[in-house]
Amino acid sequence: MNVSPNNNSLFTIRNDKGIEVECEVLFTFDSEQTKRSYLVYTDHTTDETGALKTYASIYDPSGVNMNLLPLQMEEEWNTVEAILNKLAEVKEKEEV
């Protein structure tokens, strides 16, 4: 699995209320197991605990299909969560 950070990569999506929201790509990765590419991003909002909200979608890295698709398997969510946790650990160690 190759995780690629994408600093300053911005894009706009339309939320479920039809409002355009600017998002920032946190990282992308490809899974050999699922043969899919994933995009992890944020809209820079926070949840009730103050944590940054992050989202993950399946995407087409070639850019032919610009639609973001929802993750379909629990395994995909587990992989995204594991990567986020690992990145948080690395950042925490860097701050010490």
N, C-alpha and C. Protein backbone atom coordinates (compact mmCIF):
# COMPACT_ATOMS: atom_id res chain seq x y z
N MET A 1 0.85 -1.17 0.00
CA MET A 1 0.00 0.00 0.00
C MET A 1 0.89 1.23 0.00
N ASN A 2 0.60 2.15 -0.89
CA ASN A 2 1.37 3.36 -1.00
C ASN A 2 0.49 4.55 -0.61
N VAL A 3 0.87 5.25 0.46
CA VAL A 3 0.11 6.42 0.92
C VAL A 3 0.83 7.66 0.43
N SER A 4 0.09 8.52 -0.28
CA SER A 4 0.67 9.74 -0.83
C SER A 4 0.02 10.97 -0.20
N PRO A 5 0.79 11.75 0.57
CA PRO A 5 0.21 12.98 1.10
C PRO A 5 0.03 13.97 -0.04
N ASN A 6 -1.04 14.74 0.02
CA ASN A 6 -1.33 15.73 -1.02
C ASN A 6 -1.55 17.07 -0.36
N ASN A 7 -0.48 17.76 -0.08
CA ASN A 7 -0.59 19.05 0.58
C ASN A 7 -1.17 20.09 -0.38
N ASN A 8 -2.13 20.85 0.12
CA ASN A 8 -2.74 21.96 -0.61
C ASN A 8 -3.52 21.53 -1.85
N SER A 9 -4.02 20.30 -1.90
CA SER A 9 -4.87 19.87 -2.99
C SER A 9 -6.31 20.12 -2.59
N LEU A 10 -6.93 21.09 -3.23
CA LEU A 10 -8.30 21.48 -2.89
C LEU A 10 -9.25 21.05 -4.01
N PHE A 11 -10.47 20.73 -3.62
CA PHE A 11 -11.52 20.43 -4.58
C PHE A 11 -12.85 20.80 -3.96
N THR A 12 -13.87 20.89 -4.76
CA THR A 12 -15.19 21.27 -4.29
C THR A 12 -16.17 20.14 -4.53
N ILE A 13 -16.99 19.86 -3.52
CA ILE A 13 -18.05 18.87 -3.66
C ILE A 13 -19.38 19.55 -3.34
N ARG A 14 -20.45 18.89 -3.71
CA ARG A 14 -21.78 19.36 -3.36
C ARG A 14 -22.30 18.41 -2.29
N ASN A 15 -22.64 18.95 -1.12
CA ASN A 15 -23.10 18.10 -0.01
C ASN A 15 -24.54 17.65 -0.23
N ASP A 16 -25.07 16.91 0.74
CA ASP A 16 -26.42 16.35 0.60
C ASP A 16 -27.51 17.41 0.58
N LYS A 17 -27.16 18.66 0.94
CA LYS A 17 -28.12 19.76 0.90
C LYS A 17 -27.97 20.60 -0.36
N GLY A 18 -27.06 20.16 -1.26
CA GLY A 18 -26.85 20.87 -2.51
C GLY A 18 -25.91 22.06 -2.41
N ILE A 19 -25.25 22.21 -1.26
CA ILE A 19 -24.34 23.34 -1.04
C ILE A 19 -22.92 22.92 -1.43
N GLU A 20 -22.22 23.79 -2.17
CA GLU A 20 -20.84 23.51 -2.52
C GLU A 20 -19.94 23.71 -1.31
N VAL A 21 -19.05 22.74 -1.08
CA VAL A 21 -18.15 22.76 0.07
C VAL A 21 -16.73 22.52 -0.44
N GLU A 22 -15.80 23.39 -0.02
CA GLU A 22 -14.41 23.20 -0.39
C GLU A 22 -13.76 22.19 0.55
N CYS A 23 -13.05 21.24 -0.02
CA CYS A 23 -12.39 20.18 0.75
C CYS A 23 -10.91 20.16 0.41
N GLU A 24 -10.15 19.59 1.32
CA GLU A 24 -8.71 19.45 1.11
C GLU A 24 -8.33 17.97 1.19
N VAL A 25 -7.55 17.53 0.22
CA VAL A 25 -7.07 16.15 0.21
C VAL A 25 -6.02 15.99 1.29
N LEU A 26 -6.21 14.99 2.16
CA LEU A 26 -5.22 14.69 3.18
C LEU A 26 -4.20 13.70 2.64
N PHE A 27 -4.69 12.63 2.02
CA PHE A 27 -3.81 11.66 1.37
C PHE A 27 -4.64 10.75 0.48
N THR A 28 -3.93 10.04 -0.38
CA THR A 28 -4.54 9.02 -1.23
C THR A 28 -3.77 7.73 -1.02
N PHE A 29 -4.42 6.63 -1.32
CA PHE A 29 -3.71 5.36 -1.30
C PHE A 29 -4.41 4.36 -2.21
N ASP A 30 -3.64 3.38 -2.67
CA ASP A 30 -4.14 2.30 -3.49
C ASP A 30 -4.09 1.02 -2.67
N SER A 31 -5.09 0.19 -2.84
CA SER A 31 -5.13 -1.09 -2.12
C SER A 31 -4.94 -2.23 -3.11
N GLU A 32 -3.94 -3.04 -2.86
CA GLU A 32 -3.73 -4.22 -3.70
C GLU A 32 -4.84 -5.24 -3.47
N GLN A 33 -5.39 -5.27 -2.25
CA GLN A 33 -6.44 -6.23 -1.92
C GLN A 33 -7.73 -5.95 -2.66
N THR A 34 -8.16 -4.69 -2.67
CA THR A 34 -9.44 -4.35 -3.29
C THR A 34 -9.28 -3.88 -4.73
N LYS A 35 -8.04 -3.59 -5.14
CA LYS A 35 -7.76 -3.07 -6.49
C LYS A 35 -8.45 -1.73 -6.72
N ARG A 36 -8.55 -0.92 -5.66
CA ARG A 36 -9.19 0.39 -5.74
C ARG A 36 -8.25 1.47 -5.21
N SER A 37 -8.56 2.70 -5.60
CA SER A 37 -7.82 3.86 -5.11
C SER A 37 -8.74 4.64 -4.17
N TYR A 38 -8.15 5.17 -3.11
CA TYR A 38 -8.94 5.85 -2.09
C TYR A 38 -8.42 7.27 -1.87
N LEU A 39 -9.34 8.16 -1.55
CA LEU A 39 -9.06 9.55 -1.29
C LEU A 39 -9.57 9.86 0.11
N VAL A 40 -8.71 10.39 0.97
CA VAL A 40 -9.09 10.78 2.32
C VAL A 40 -8.97 12.30 2.38
N TYR A 41 -10.04 12.95 2.84
CA TYR A 41 -10.10 14.40 2.78
C TYR A 41 -10.87 14.98 3.95
N THR A 42 -10.82 16.31 4.06
CA THR A 42 -11.53 17.01 5.12
C THR A 42 -12.19 18.26 4.55
N ASP A 43 -13.25 18.68 5.20
CA ASP A 43 -13.88 19.96 4.85
C ASP A 43 -13.55 21.01 5.92
N HIS A 44 -12.62 20.69 6.78
CA HIS A 44 -12.12 21.56 7.85
C HIS A 44 -13.18 21.91 8.89
N THR A 45 -14.20 21.07 9.03
CA THR A 45 -15.14 21.22 10.13
C THR A 45 -14.72 20.26 11.23
N THR A 46 -15.28 20.45 12.42
CA THR A 46 -14.95 19.59 13.54
C THR A 46 -16.22 18.92 14.07
N ASP A 47 -16.01 17.81 14.75
CA ASP A 47 -17.15 17.12 15.36
C ASP A 47 -17.41 17.68 16.75
N GLU A 48 -18.32 17.05 17.48
CA GLU A 48 -18.70 17.56 18.80
C GLU A 48 -17.57 17.51 19.83
N THR A 49 -16.52 16.72 19.55
CA THR A 49 -15.38 16.66 20.47
C THR A 49 -14.25 17.61 20.06
N GLY A 50 -14.44 18.28 18.92
CA GLY A 50 -13.42 19.19 18.44
C GLY A 50 -12.43 18.56 17.47
N ALA A 51 -12.62 17.28 17.15
CA ALA A 51 -11.74 16.58 16.22
C ALA A 51 -12.08 16.97 14.78
N LEU A 52 -11.08 17.08 13.95
CA LEU A 52 -11.26 17.40 12.55
C LEU A 52 -12.04 16.28 11.86
N LYS A 53 -13.09 16.63 11.15
CA LYS A 53 -13.86 15.62 10.42
C LYS A 53 -13.10 15.22 9.17
N THR A 54 -12.98 13.90 8.99
CA THR A 54 -12.33 13.37 7.80
C THR A 54 -13.29 12.43 7.10
N TYR A 55 -13.12 12.34 5.79
CA TYR A 55 -13.99 11.52 4.96
C TYR A 55 -13.12 10.68 4.03
N ALA A 56 -13.65 9.58 3.56
CA ALA A 56 -12.92 8.73 2.62
C ALA A 56 -13.86 8.30 1.51
N SER A 57 -13.31 8.24 0.31
CA SER A 57 -14.09 7.82 -0.85
C SER A 57 -13.20 7.02 -1.79
N ILE A 58 -13.84 6.25 -2.62
CA ILE A 58 -13.16 5.58 -3.72
C ILE A 58 -13.10 6.60 -4.86
N TYR A 59 -11.95 6.68 -5.53
CA TYR A 59 -11.84 7.63 -6.64
C TYR A 59 -11.03 7.03 -7.78
N ASP A 60 -11.12 7.68 -8.92
CA ASP A 60 -10.40 7.27 -10.12
C ASP A 60 -9.18 8.18 -10.27
N PRO A 61 -7.97 7.66 -9.98
CA PRO A 61 -6.78 8.51 -10.03
C PRO A 61 -6.45 9.00 -11.44
N SER A 62 -6.99 8.36 -12.47
CA SER A 62 -6.72 8.80 -13.84
C SER A 62 -7.47 10.08 -14.17
N GLY A 63 -8.53 10.37 -13.39
CA GLY A 63 -9.32 11.57 -13.63
C GLY A 63 -10.40 11.40 -14.68
N VAL A 64 -10.50 10.21 -15.26
CA VAL A 64 -11.54 9.96 -16.27
C VAL A 64 -12.92 10.06 -15.63
N ASN A 65 -13.10 9.43 -14.48
CA ASN A 65 -14.35 9.49 -13.74
C ASN A 65 -14.12 10.39 -12.53
N MET A 66 -14.81 11.51 -12.48
CA MET A 66 -14.59 12.49 -11.41
C MET A 66 -15.50 12.26 -10.20
N ASN A 67 -16.34 11.25 -10.23
CA ASN A 67 -17.26 10.98 -9.12
C ASN A 67 -16.53 10.29 -7.97
N LEU A 68 -16.84 10.72 -6.75
CA LEU A 68 -16.35 10.04 -5.56
C LEU A 68 -17.40 9.02 -5.16
N LEU A 69 -16.96 7.81 -4.87
CA LEU A 69 -17.87 6.74 -4.51
C LEU A 69 -17.69 6.36 -3.05
N PRO A 70 -18.75 5.95 -2.38
CA PRO A 70 -18.64 5.58 -0.96
C PRO A 70 -17.85 4.28 -0.78
N LEU A 71 -17.17 4.18 0.37
CA LEU A 71 -16.54 2.92 0.72
C LEU A 71 -17.63 1.89 0.93
N GLN A 72 -17.34 0.65 0.53
CA GLN A 72 -18.38 -0.36 0.52
C GLN A 72 -18.18 -1.48 1.52
N MET A 73 -16.98 -1.65 2.01
CA MET A 73 -16.70 -2.76 2.91
C MET A 73 -16.12 -2.25 4.23
N GLU A 74 -16.39 -2.96 5.29
CA GLU A 74 -15.84 -2.61 6.60
C GLU A 74 -14.32 -2.63 6.56
N GLU A 75 -13.76 -3.54 5.79
CA GLU A 75 -12.31 -3.64 5.64
C GLU A 75 -11.72 -2.33 5.12
N GLU A 76 -12.43 -1.67 4.20
CA GLU A 76 -11.95 -0.39 3.67
C GLU A 76 -11.91 0.66 4.77
N TRP A 77 -12.96 0.75 5.56
CA TRP A 77 -13.00 1.71 6.67
C TRP A 77 -11.90 1.40 7.68
N ASN A 78 -11.69 0.12 7.97
CA ASN A 78 -10.64 -0.26 8.93
C ASN A 78 -9.27 0.17 8.43
N THR A 79 -9.03 0.02 7.13
CA THR A 79 -7.75 0.42 6.55
C THR A 79 -7.55 1.92 6.67
N VAL A 80 -8.57 2.70 6.32
CA VAL A 80 -8.49 4.16 6.43
C VAL A 80 -8.23 4.57 7.87
N GLU A 81 -8.95 3.99 8.79
CA GLU A 81 -8.77 4.32 10.21
C GLU A 81 -7.37 3.98 10.69
N ALA A 82 -6.83 2.84 10.26
CA ALA A 82 -5.48 2.44 10.66
C ALA A 82 -4.44 3.43 10.14
N ILE A 83 -4.61 3.88 8.91
CA ILE A 83 -3.67 4.85 8.35
C ILE A 83 -3.77 6.18 9.10
N LEU A 84 -4.99 6.65 9.36
CA LEU A 84 -5.16 7.90 10.11
C LEU A 84 -4.53 7.81 11.49
N ASN A 85 -4.72 6.68 12.16
CA ASN A 85 -4.12 6.50 13.49
C ASN A 85 -2.60 6.51 13.42
N LYS A 86 -2.04 5.85 12.41
CA LYS A 86 -0.59 5.81 12.25
C LYS A 86 -0.05 7.21 11.96
N LEU A 87 -0.72 7.97 11.10
CA LEU A 87 -0.28 9.33 10.80
C LEU A 87 -0.37 10.22 12.04
N ALA A 88 -1.40 10.04 12.86
CA ALA A 88 -1.54 10.81 14.10
C ALA A 88 -0.40 10.48 15.06
N GLU A 89 -0.01 9.21 15.13
CA GLU A 89 1.10 8.81 16.00
C GLU A 89 2.40 9.46 15.54
N VAL A 90 2.64 9.46 14.24
CA VAL A 90 3.86 10.04 13.70
C VAL A 90 3.88 11.54 14.00
N LYS A 91 2.77 12.22 13.77
CA LYS A 91 2.70 13.66 14.03
C LYS A 91 2.93 13.96 15.50
N GLU A 92 2.34 13.14 16.36
CA GLU A 92 2.49 13.33 17.81
C GLU A 92 3.95 13.18 18.22
N LYS A 93 4.65 12.21 17.66
CA LYS A 93 6.08 12.00 17.97
C LYS A 93 6.92 13.17 17.47
N GLU A 94 6.53 13.73 16.31
CA GLU A 94 7.28 14.86 15.76
C GLU A 94 7.14 16.11 16.62
N GLU A 95 6.00 16.25 17.30
CA GLU A 95 5.72 17.43 18.12
C GLU A 95 6.42 17.38 19.47
N VAL A 96 6.90 16.20 19.87
CA VAL A 96 7.56 16.04 21.17
C VAL A 96 8.98 16.47 21.11
